[in-house]
N, C-alpha and C. Protein backbone atom coordinates (compact mmCIF):
# COMPACT_ATOMS: atom_id res chain seq x y z
N MET A 1 108.45 162.78 35.55
CA MET A 1 107.18 163.34 35.92
C MET A 1 107.26 164.84 35.69
N ASN A 2 106.43 165.36 34.83
CA ASN A 2 106.45 166.78 34.54
C ASN A 2 105.09 167.37 34.90
N MET A 3 104.99 167.88 36.10
CA MET A 3 103.74 168.43 36.57
C MET A 3 103.78 169.94 36.50
N LYS A 4 102.63 170.54 36.34
CA LYS A 4 102.53 171.98 36.25
C LYS A 4 102.52 172.59 37.65
N PHE A 5 103.23 173.69 37.81
CA PHE A 5 103.26 174.39 39.09
C PHE A 5 102.39 175.63 38.98
N GLU A 6 101.47 175.74 39.89
CA GLU A 6 100.64 176.94 39.97
C GLU A 6 100.79 177.51 41.36
N SER A 7 100.74 178.81 41.45
CA SER A 7 100.83 179.47 42.75
C SER A 7 99.73 178.92 43.65
N VAL A 8 100.11 178.59 44.88
CA VAL A 8 99.14 177.99 45.78
C VAL A 8 98.69 178.95 46.87
N LEU A 9 99.36 180.08 46.99
CA LEU A 9 99.00 181.05 48.02
C LEU A 9 98.44 182.32 47.40
N THR A 10 97.44 182.87 48.04
CA THR A 10 96.98 184.21 47.65
C THR A 10 97.90 185.21 48.32
N ASP A 11 97.88 186.44 47.86
CA ASP A 11 98.69 187.49 48.50
C ASP A 11 98.28 187.67 49.95
N GLU A 12 97.00 187.55 50.24
CA GLU A 12 96.51 187.70 51.61
C GLU A 12 97.06 186.59 52.50
N GLN A 13 97.08 185.37 51.99
CA GLN A 13 97.63 184.25 52.77
C GLN A 13 99.12 184.46 53.04
N TRP A 14 99.86 184.88 52.03
CA TRP A 14 101.29 185.09 52.23
C TRP A 14 101.53 186.20 53.25
N THR A 15 100.73 187.25 53.21
CA THR A 15 100.86 188.34 54.18
C THR A 15 100.67 187.81 55.59
N ARG A 16 99.75 186.87 55.77
CA ARG A 16 99.49 186.31 57.11
C ARG A 16 100.67 185.53 57.66
N VAL A 17 101.45 184.88 56.80
CA VAL A 17 102.54 184.03 57.30
C VAL A 17 103.94 184.57 57.02
N SER A 18 104.06 185.59 56.22
CA SER A 18 105.40 186.05 55.81
C SER A 18 106.26 186.46 56.99
N GLN A 19 105.65 187.07 58.01
CA GLN A 19 106.43 187.51 59.17
C GLN A 19 107.06 186.34 59.92
N ILE A 20 106.49 185.16 59.81
CA ILE A 20 107.07 183.96 60.45
C ILE A 20 108.44 183.67 59.85
N PHE A 21 108.56 183.77 58.54
CA PHE A 21 109.81 183.45 57.87
C PHE A 21 110.81 184.60 57.94
N GLU A 22 110.33 185.81 58.17
CA GLU A 22 111.23 186.95 58.30
C GLU A 22 112.03 186.89 59.59
N ARG A 23 111.60 186.10 60.55
CA ARG A 23 112.35 185.93 61.80
C ARG A 23 113.61 185.11 61.60
N GLU A 24 113.67 184.40 60.49
CA GLU A 24 114.83 183.58 60.17
C GLU A 24 116.04 184.49 59.99
N PRO A 25 117.14 184.22 60.69
CA PRO A 25 118.32 185.09 60.54
C PRO A 25 118.87 185.06 59.12
N LYS A 26 119.28 186.22 58.65
CA LYS A 26 119.87 186.32 57.31
C LYS A 26 121.31 185.84 57.38
N VAL A 27 121.69 185.06 56.39
CA VAL A 27 123.04 184.53 56.32
C VAL A 27 123.71 185.16 55.10
N GLU A 28 124.87 185.74 55.31
CA GLU A 28 125.62 186.31 54.20
C GLU A 28 126.20 185.19 53.35
N THR A 29 125.92 185.24 52.09
CA THR A 29 126.46 184.23 51.19
C THR A 29 127.08 184.91 49.98
N ARG A 30 127.92 184.19 49.31
CA ARG A 30 128.49 184.69 48.06
C ARG A 30 127.76 183.99 46.93
N GLY A 31 127.92 184.51 45.75
CA GLY A 31 127.28 183.89 44.60
C GLY A 31 125.96 184.56 44.27
N ARG A 32 125.10 183.82 43.62
CA ARG A 32 123.84 184.41 43.19
C ARG A 32 122.89 184.59 44.38
N PRO A 33 121.95 185.51 44.25
CA PRO A 33 121.00 185.73 45.35
C PRO A 33 120.15 184.50 45.62
N GLY A 34 119.74 184.34 46.87
CA GLY A 34 118.90 183.21 47.25
C GLY A 34 117.47 183.38 46.76
N TYR A 35 116.73 182.31 46.85
CA TYR A 35 115.32 182.35 46.46
C TYR A 35 114.50 183.02 47.55
N HIS A 36 113.42 183.67 47.15
CA HIS A 36 112.53 184.31 48.11
C HIS A 36 111.78 183.25 48.92
N ASN A 37 111.54 183.56 50.18
CA ASN A 37 110.84 182.62 51.07
C ASN A 37 109.47 182.23 50.52
N ARG A 38 108.76 183.17 49.92
CA ARG A 38 107.43 182.83 49.39
C ARG A 38 107.54 181.76 48.32
N ASP A 39 108.50 181.91 47.40
CA ASP A 39 108.66 180.92 46.32
C ASP A 39 108.98 179.54 46.89
N VAL A 40 109.86 179.51 47.87
CA VAL A 40 110.24 178.22 48.48
C VAL A 40 109.05 177.64 49.26
N PHE A 41 108.36 178.47 50.03
CA PHE A 41 107.21 178.00 50.81
C PHE A 41 106.13 177.44 49.90
N GLU A 42 105.90 178.09 48.77
CA GLU A 42 104.90 177.58 47.82
C GLU A 42 105.32 176.21 47.28
N CYS A 43 106.61 176.02 47.06
CA CYS A 43 107.09 174.71 46.61
C CYS A 43 106.89 173.65 47.69
N VAL A 44 107.12 174.03 48.95
CA VAL A 44 106.89 173.10 50.06
C VAL A 44 105.41 172.70 50.07
N LEU A 45 104.53 173.67 49.94
CA LEU A 45 103.10 173.37 49.91
C LEU A 45 102.74 172.49 48.72
N TRP A 46 103.38 172.73 47.59
CA TRP A 46 103.12 171.93 46.40
C TRP A 46 103.51 170.48 46.63
N VAL A 47 104.68 170.26 47.22
CA VAL A 47 105.14 168.89 47.50
C VAL A 47 104.17 168.21 48.46
N ILE A 48 103.76 168.94 49.51
CA ILE A 48 102.83 168.37 50.49
C ILE A 48 101.51 168.00 49.83
N SER A 49 100.96 168.92 49.05
CA SER A 49 99.62 168.69 48.49
C SER A 49 99.61 167.67 47.35
N ASN A 50 100.73 167.52 46.63
CA ASN A 50 100.77 166.57 45.52
C ASN A 50 101.35 165.21 45.91
N GLY A 51 101.94 165.11 47.08
CA GLY A 51 102.54 163.85 47.49
C GLY A 51 103.73 163.47 46.62
N ALA A 52 104.32 164.47 45.99
CA ALA A 52 105.42 164.23 45.06
C ALA A 52 106.76 164.31 45.77
N PRO A 53 107.78 163.65 45.23
CA PRO A 53 109.12 163.81 45.79
C PRO A 53 109.66 165.21 45.45
N TRP A 54 110.62 165.66 46.24
CA TRP A 54 111.19 167.00 46.03
C TRP A 54 111.74 167.15 44.63
N SER A 55 112.36 166.12 44.12
CA SER A 55 112.98 166.19 42.79
C SER A 55 111.96 166.34 41.67
N ALA A 56 110.67 166.16 41.96
CA ALA A 56 109.63 166.27 40.93
C ALA A 56 109.08 167.68 40.82
N LEU A 57 109.63 168.63 41.57
CA LEU A 57 109.14 170.01 41.44
C LEU A 57 109.22 170.43 39.98
N PRO A 58 108.19 171.08 39.50
CA PRO A 58 108.19 171.50 38.09
C PRO A 58 109.29 172.52 37.79
N THR A 59 109.54 172.70 36.52
CA THR A 59 110.50 173.71 36.11
C THR A 59 109.97 175.09 36.49
N ARG A 60 110.84 176.05 36.48
CA ARG A 60 110.52 177.43 36.85
C ARG A 60 110.17 177.58 38.33
N THR A 61 110.69 176.71 39.14
CA THR A 61 110.56 176.84 40.59
C THR A 61 111.98 176.86 41.16
N PRO A 62 112.13 177.28 42.41
CA PRO A 62 113.46 177.19 43.02
C PRO A 62 113.98 175.76 42.97
N ASP A 63 115.28 175.62 43.04
CA ASP A 63 115.92 174.31 43.01
C ASP A 63 115.36 173.41 44.12
N PHE A 64 115.07 172.17 43.79
CA PHE A 64 114.44 171.28 44.77
C PHE A 64 115.32 171.06 45.99
N ARG A 65 116.63 171.11 45.82
CA ARG A 65 117.53 170.93 46.98
C ARG A 65 117.39 172.09 47.95
N THR A 66 117.25 173.29 47.41
CA THR A 66 117.04 174.48 48.26
C THR A 66 115.71 174.35 49.00
N CYS A 67 114.66 173.94 48.30
CA CYS A 67 113.33 173.80 48.92
C CYS A 67 113.38 172.76 50.04
N HIS A 68 114.02 171.63 49.78
CA HIS A 68 114.09 170.58 50.79
C HIS A 68 114.92 171.03 51.99
N ARG A 69 116.03 171.71 51.72
CA ARG A 69 116.89 172.19 52.81
C ARG A 69 116.13 173.18 53.70
N ARG A 70 115.42 174.13 53.08
CA ARG A 70 114.65 175.09 53.90
C ARG A 70 113.50 174.40 54.61
N PHE A 71 112.88 173.42 53.97
CA PHE A 71 111.83 172.65 54.63
C PHE A 71 112.37 172.04 55.92
N LYS A 72 113.55 171.42 55.85
CA LYS A 72 114.14 170.81 57.04
C LYS A 72 114.47 171.85 58.11
N ILE A 73 115.03 172.97 57.71
CA ILE A 73 115.36 174.04 58.67
C ILE A 73 114.09 174.58 59.29
N TRP A 74 113.10 174.90 58.46
CA TRP A 74 111.84 175.45 58.97
C TRP A 74 111.13 174.45 59.87
N SER A 75 111.20 173.17 59.53
CA SER A 75 110.57 172.14 60.38
C SER A 75 111.27 172.06 61.73
N ARG A 76 112.58 172.01 61.69
CA ARG A 76 113.37 171.89 62.92
C ARG A 76 113.13 173.08 63.85
N ARG A 77 112.96 174.26 63.31
CA ARG A 77 112.78 175.48 64.11
C ARG A 77 111.32 175.76 64.44
N GLY A 78 110.40 174.93 63.95
CA GLY A 78 108.98 175.12 64.25
C GLY A 78 108.28 176.15 63.39
N LEU A 79 109.01 176.74 62.43
CA LEU A 79 108.42 177.77 61.58
C LEU A 79 107.38 177.20 60.63
N LEU A 80 107.65 176.04 60.09
CA LEU A 80 106.71 175.41 59.15
C LEU A 80 105.42 175.05 59.87
N ASP A 81 105.53 174.47 61.06
CA ASP A 81 104.34 174.12 61.84
C ASP A 81 103.49 175.36 62.10
N GLU A 82 104.16 176.43 62.48
CA GLU A 82 103.45 177.68 62.79
C GLU A 82 102.75 178.26 61.56
N ALA A 83 103.45 178.27 60.42
CA ALA A 83 102.86 178.82 59.20
C ALA A 83 101.69 177.98 58.72
N LEU A 84 101.84 176.66 58.74
CA LEU A 84 100.74 175.79 58.31
C LEU A 84 99.54 175.91 59.24
N ALA A 85 99.78 176.00 60.53
CA ALA A 85 98.67 176.17 61.48
C ALA A 85 97.96 177.50 61.24
N GLN A 86 98.71 178.53 60.93
CA GLN A 86 98.12 179.85 60.64
C GLN A 86 97.22 179.77 59.41
N LEU A 87 97.64 179.02 58.41
CA LEU A 87 96.88 178.95 57.16
C LEU A 87 95.77 177.90 57.18
N PHE A 88 96.04 176.75 57.80
CA PHE A 88 95.13 175.62 57.65
C PHE A 88 94.52 175.11 58.95
N GLY A 89 94.82 175.74 60.05
CA GLY A 89 94.25 175.33 61.33
C GLY A 89 94.58 173.90 61.69
N LYS A 90 93.56 173.15 62.09
CA LYS A 90 93.77 171.76 62.54
C LYS A 90 94.26 170.84 61.44
N SER A 91 93.99 171.17 60.20
CA SER A 91 94.44 170.34 59.07
C SER A 91 95.96 170.35 58.94
N ALA A 92 96.61 171.34 59.51
CA ALA A 92 98.07 171.46 59.39
C ALA A 92 98.78 170.24 59.96
N GLU A 93 98.29 169.72 61.07
CA GLU A 93 98.94 168.56 61.70
C GLU A 93 98.92 167.36 60.77
N THR A 94 97.80 167.13 60.09
CA THR A 94 97.69 166.02 59.15
C THR A 94 98.67 166.21 57.99
N MET A 95 98.77 167.44 57.50
CA MET A 95 99.69 167.73 56.41
C MET A 95 101.13 167.44 56.81
N LEU A 96 101.51 167.88 57.99
CA LEU A 96 102.87 167.67 58.48
C LEU A 96 103.16 166.18 58.68
N GLN A 97 102.22 165.47 59.26
CA GLN A 97 102.42 164.04 59.49
C GLN A 97 102.60 163.30 58.17
N SER A 98 101.85 163.72 57.16
CA SER A 98 101.93 163.07 55.86
C SER A 98 103.31 163.21 55.25
N ILE A 99 103.84 164.40 55.22
CA ILE A 99 105.14 164.59 54.59
C ILE A 99 106.26 164.00 55.43
N LYS A 100 106.14 164.04 56.74
CA LYS A 100 107.17 163.45 57.60
C LYS A 100 107.16 161.93 57.47
N ALA A 101 105.98 161.34 57.33
CA ALA A 101 105.88 159.89 57.16
C ALA A 101 106.50 159.47 55.82
N ARG A 102 106.22 160.22 54.77
CA ARG A 102 106.82 159.91 53.46
C ARG A 102 108.33 160.02 53.52
N SER A 103 108.81 161.02 54.23
CA SER A 103 110.25 161.21 54.37
C SER A 103 110.89 160.03 55.10
N ARG A 104 110.24 159.56 56.17
CA ARG A 104 110.77 158.42 56.92
C ARG A 104 110.78 157.16 56.05
N LEU A 105 109.73 156.95 55.27
CA LEU A 105 109.68 155.77 54.40
C LEU A 105 110.81 155.78 53.39
N ARG A 106 111.10 156.94 52.82
CA ARG A 106 112.18 157.03 51.84
C ARG A 106 113.52 156.77 52.49
N GLN A 107 113.71 157.23 53.72
CA GLN A 107 114.97 157.03 54.42
C GLN A 107 115.17 155.56 54.79
N GLN A 108 114.08 154.86 55.10
CA GLN A 108 114.17 153.47 55.52
C GLN A 108 114.28 152.50 54.36
N ALA A 109 113.75 152.85 53.21
CA ALA A 109 113.74 151.95 52.07
C ALA A 109 115.15 151.79 51.52
N PRO A 110 115.63 150.55 51.45
CA PRO A 110 116.96 150.34 50.89
C PRO A 110 116.94 150.61 49.39
N SER A 111 117.96 151.26 48.91
CA SER A 111 118.01 151.53 47.47
C SER A 111 118.50 150.28 46.74
N ALA A 112 118.14 150.19 45.49
CA ALA A 112 118.58 149.06 44.67
C ALA A 112 120.09 149.06 44.54
N ARG A 113 120.68 150.25 44.51
CA ARG A 113 122.12 150.37 44.37
C ARG A 113 122.84 149.77 45.57
N GLN A 114 122.27 149.92 46.78
CA GLN A 114 122.89 149.36 47.98
C GLN A 114 122.96 147.84 47.91
N HIS A 115 122.03 147.24 47.21
CA HIS A 115 121.97 145.78 47.13
C HIS A 115 122.56 145.25 45.83
N GLY A 116 123.16 146.14 45.05
CA GLY A 116 123.81 145.70 43.82
C GLY A 116 122.85 145.34 42.73
N GLN A 117 121.61 145.79 42.79
CA GLN A 117 120.62 145.45 41.79
C GLN A 117 120.39 146.65 40.88
N SER A 118 120.01 146.38 39.67
CA SER A 118 119.60 147.47 38.79
C SER A 118 118.13 147.71 39.03
N LEU A 119 117.64 148.85 38.56
CA LEU A 119 116.22 149.14 38.73
C LEU A 119 115.36 148.16 37.95
N GLU A 120 115.85 147.67 36.82
CA GLU A 120 115.08 146.72 36.03
C GLU A 120 114.93 145.40 36.78
N ALA A 121 115.94 145.02 37.53
CA ALA A 121 115.91 143.74 38.24
C ALA A 121 115.10 143.82 39.52
N ALA A 122 114.87 145.02 40.01
CA ALA A 122 114.16 145.18 41.28
C ALA A 122 112.69 144.90 41.15
C-alpha cells in the first residue's frame, strides 16, 4: 500500500498543542537525532484518519516503529488524549476509541504463522 502523506496540521494547530509534547522529558540518546514531535504527531493523525496500519505510513515520514512507540507512550501518559481534545473537541474520544479498538483486534487475531499456515492457505 503506497499512500501519499500530506501535512495534516496547520502551523496554528501545532502551536496550540506543541506545549503538550514539550512536557515530555528529554532522553539522552546516542546515534542519529530523533524525529521532531510534530512529524511524529502528524503520522499518528494520519494513521488515525486513514485507518491504516503503522507499517503503511508513506515514505518520507518518520519510521513507523518510532511513530507507534511514541503513540503508545503519549497514550499511556495522557498526552495524546489531551492534544486530540485540544484540536478536535468531543470528536477526539471517537478517534481514540477507533485506533485503540483496531489495536486490540490486531493483538487478538492469531497470525497465520502461529498456526503453521501460509498466507495463501489462510
